[in-house]
C-alpha atoms as a PDB file:
ATOM      1  CA  MET A   1      -5.991   6.681 -13.462  1.00  0.00           C
ATOM      2  CA  PRO A   2      -7.497   3.303 -12.468  1.00  0.00           C
ATOM      3  CA  TYR A   3      -8.250   2.251  -8.904  1.00  0.00           C
ATOM      4  CA  PHE A   4      -7.361  -1.165  -7.529  1.00  0.00           C
ATOM      5  CA  VAL A   5      -8.895  -2.837  -4.493  1.00  0.00           C
ATOM      6  CA  LYS A   6      -7.167  -5.339  -2.240  1.00  0.00           C
ATOM      7  CA  THR A   7      -9.563  -7.344  -0.104  1.00  0.00           C
ATOM      8  CA  GLU A   8      -8.236  -9.501   2.690  1.00  0.00           C
ATOM      9  CA  THR A   9      -9.183 -11.758   5.544  1.00  0.00           C
ATOM     10  CA  ILE A  10      -6.921 -12.658   8.441  1.00  0.00           C
ATOM     11  CA  LYS A  11      -5.869 -16.287   8.396  1.00  0.00           C
ATOM     12  CA  ARG A  12      -7.683 -18.190  11.121  1.00  0.00           C
ATOM     13  CA  HIS A  13      -4.586 -19.170  13.134  1.00  0.00           C
ATOM     14  CA  TYR A  14      -3.613 -15.487  13.518  1.00  0.00           C
ATOM     15  CA  LEU A  15      -6.938 -14.443  15.008  1.00  0.00           C
ATOM     16  CA  SER A  16      -5.746 -15.383  18.509  1.00  0.00           C
ATOM     17  CA  GLU A  17      -2.120 -14.206  18.143  1.00  0.00           C
ATOM     18  CA  ILE A  18      -2.662 -10.696  19.475  1.00  0.00           C
ATOM     19  CA  ASN A  19       1.001  -9.633  19.800  1.00  0.00           C
ATOM     20  CA  PHE A  20       1.828 -10.725  16.249  1.00  0.00           C
ATOM     21  CA  LYS A  21      -1.272  -8.974  14.901  1.00  0.00           C
ATOM     22  CA  ILE A  22      -0.509  -5.727  16.752  1.00  0.00           C
ATOM     23  CA  LYS A  23       3.098  -5.689  15.503  1.00  0.00           C
ATOM     24  CA  THR A  24       2.124  -6.430  11.899  1.00  0.00           C
ATOM     25  CA  ILE A  25      -0.732  -3.912  11.897  1.00  0.00           C
ATOM     26  CA  LYS A  26       1.650  -1.206  13.182  1.00  0.00           C
ATOM     27  CA  GLU A  27       4.047  -2.087  10.340  1.00  0.00           C
ATOM     28  CA  HIS A  28       1.132  -1.973   7.873  1.00  0.00           C
ATOM     29  CA  LYS A  29       0.069   1.507   9.058  1.00  0.00           C
ATOM     30  CA  LEU A  30       3.643   2.803   8.700  1.00  0.00           C
ATOM     31  CA  TRP A  31       3.871   1.234   5.211  1.00  0.00           C
ATOM     32  CA  VAL A  32       0.636   2.993   4.137  1.00  0.00           C
ATOM     33  CA  LYS A  33       1.799   6.309   5.649  1.00  0.00           C
ATOM     34  CA  ASN A  34       5.086   6.049   3.751  1.00  0.00           C
ATOM     35  CA  LEU A  35       3.214   5.452   0.483  1.00  0.00           C
ATOM     36  CA  ILE A  36       1.015   8.491   1.145  1.00  0.00           C
ATOM     37  CA  ASP A  37       4.145  10.547   1.894  1.00  0.00           C
ATOM     38  CA  GLN A  38       5.509   9.422  -1.504  1.00  0.00           C
ATOM     39  CA  GLY A  39       2.403  10.864  -3.162  1.00  0.00           C
ATOM     40  CA  LEU A  40       0.329   7.740  -3.762  1.00  0.00           C
ATOM     41  CA  ASN A  41      -3.441   7.942  -3.457  1.00  0.00           C
ATOM     42  CA  ILE A  42      -4.108   5.043  -1.082  1.00  0.00           C
ATOM     43  CA  LYS A  43      -6.654   4.261   1.637  1.00  0.00           C
ATOM     44  CA  SER A  44      -6.610   1.303   4.007  1.00  0.00           C
ATOM     45  CA  GLY A  45      -8.917   0.132   6.759  1.00  0.00           C
ATOM     46  CA  PHE A  46     -10.652  -2.788   8.395  1.00  0.00           C
ATOM     47  CA  LEU A  47     -14.206  -3.986   8.076  1.00  0.00           C
ATOM     48  CA  VAL A  48     -16.680  -4.228  10.967  1.00  0.00           C
ATOM     49  CA  ASP A  49     -20.092  -5.828  11.325  1.00  0.00           C
ATOM     50  CA  LYS A  50     -23.339  -4.059  12.204  1.00  0.00           C
ATOM     51  CA  TYR A  51     -22.241  -3.954  15.875  1.00  0.00           C
ATOM     52  CA  GLN A  52     -18.917  -2.304  14.946  1.00  0.00           C
ATOM     53  CA  ALA A  53     -17.031  -5.505  15.836  1.00  0.00           C
ATOM     54  CA  PRO A  54     -13.903  -6.046  13.699  1.00  0.00           C
ATOM     55  CA  GLY A  55     -12.914  -9.381  12.247  1.00  0.00           C
ATOM     56  CA  ALA A  56     -14.462  -9.314   8.788  1.00  0.00           C
ATOM     57  CA  GLY A  57     -11.154  -8.458   7.104  1.00  0.00           C
ATOM     58  CA  GLY A  58      -9.766  -5.376   5.466  1.00  0.00           C
ATOM     59  CA  LEU A  59      -9.879  -3.254   2.369  1.00  0.00           C
ATOM     60  CA  LEU A  60      -7.183  -1.236   0.646  1.00  0.00           C
ATOM     61  CA  ILE A  61      -7.812   1.064  -2.320  1.00  0.00           C
ATOM     62  CA  ILE A  62      -4.926   2.372  -4.409  1.00  0.00           C
ATOM     63  CA  GLU A  63      -4.727   4.469  -7.547  1.00  0.00           C
ATOM     64  CA  CYS A  64      -2.099   3.168 -10.012  1.00  0.00           C
ATOM     65  CA  LYS A  65      -1.449   3.178 -13.740  1.00  0.00           C
ATOM     66  CA  THR A  66      -1.627  -0.616 -14.145  1.00  0.00           C
ATOM     67  CA  PHE A  67      -2.619  -3.809 -12.361  1.00  0.00           C
ATOM     68  CA  GLU A  68       1.048  -4.860 -12.366  1.00  0.00           C
ATOM     69  CA  GLU A  69       2.111  -1.628 -10.668  1.00  0.00           C
ATOM     70  CA  ALA A  70      -0.588  -2.011  -8.004  1.00  0.00           C
ATOM     71  CA  LYS A  71       0.357  -5.660  -7.403  1.00  0.00           C
ATOM     72  CA  LYS A  72       4.055  -4.804  -7.069  1.00  0.00           C
ATOM     73  CA  ILE A  73       3.222  -2.206  -4.400  1.00  0.00           C
ATOM     74  CA  ILE A  74       0.678  -4.407  -2.593  1.00  0.00           C
ATOM     75  CA  LYS A  75       3.088  -7.343  -2.330  1.00  0.00           C
ATOM     76  CA  ASN A  76       5.196  -5.179   0.014  1.00  0.00           C
ATOM     77  CA  ASP A  77       2.320  -4.847   2.482  1.00  0.00           C
ATOM     78  CA  PRO A  78       3.535  -6.268   5.825  1.00  0.00           C
ATOM     79  CA  MET A  79       0.203  -8.113   6.160  1.00  0.00           C
ATOM     80  CA  ILE A  80       1.092 -10.025   2.976  1.00  0.00           C
ATOM     81  CA  LYS A  81       4.840 -10.305   3.596  1.00  0.00           C
ATOM     82  CA  ASN A  82       4.130 -11.876   7.009  1.00  0.00           C
ATOM     83  CA  ASP A  83       1.591 -14.253   5.392  1.00  0.00           C
ATOM     84  CA  MET A  84      -1.068 -13.052   7.830  1.00  0.00           C
ATOM     85  CA  VAL A  85      -3.893 -12.650   5.312  1.00  0.00           C
ATOM     86  CA  ASN A  86      -5.614 -14.290   2.403  1.00  0.00           C
ATOM     87  CA  TRP A  87      -5.914 -11.541  -0.172  1.00  0.00           C
ATOM     88  CA  GLN A  88      -7.116 -10.676  -3.620  1.00  0.00           C
ATOM     89  CA  LEU A  89      -6.421  -7.708  -5.884  1.00  0.00           C
ATOM     90  CA  ASN A  90      -8.904  -6.427  -8.446  1.00  0.00           C
ATOM     91  CA  GLU A  91      -9.286  -3.345 -10.571  1.00  0.00           C
ATOM     92  CA  TRP A  92     -12.397  -1.316  -9.775  1.00  0.00           C
ATOM     93  CA  ILE A  93     -14.272   0.026 -12.791  1.00  0.00           C
ATOM     94  CA  ASP A  94     -16.456   3.082 -12.141  1.00  0.00           C
ATOM     95  CA  ILE A  95     -19.638   2.653 -14.220  1.00  0.00           C
ATOM     96  CA  VAL A  96     -20.874   6.219 -13.713  1.00  0.00           C
ATOM     97  CA  GLN A  97     -18.535   9.009 -14.714  1.00  0.00           C
END
């Protein structure tokens, strides 16, 4: 089954809104946990720089049958629903199998 990758960066005006970020990130974690509990193969996390400082955005990897299925699921991500991130979804093609 194909893998799809959602990359995201937090919109600049949310970088300083700590309470909103904390609330939305908690909702995002619960959303991912619920998808895992439903049997989806999904991983989600944030990116850090060489000093382990966050702020470079996030990455979500999900295994789905089609791009459309992955996009339908991803659009329910609280980070997207709350318009907190700029995001992009792509299929990842493994070149060595």
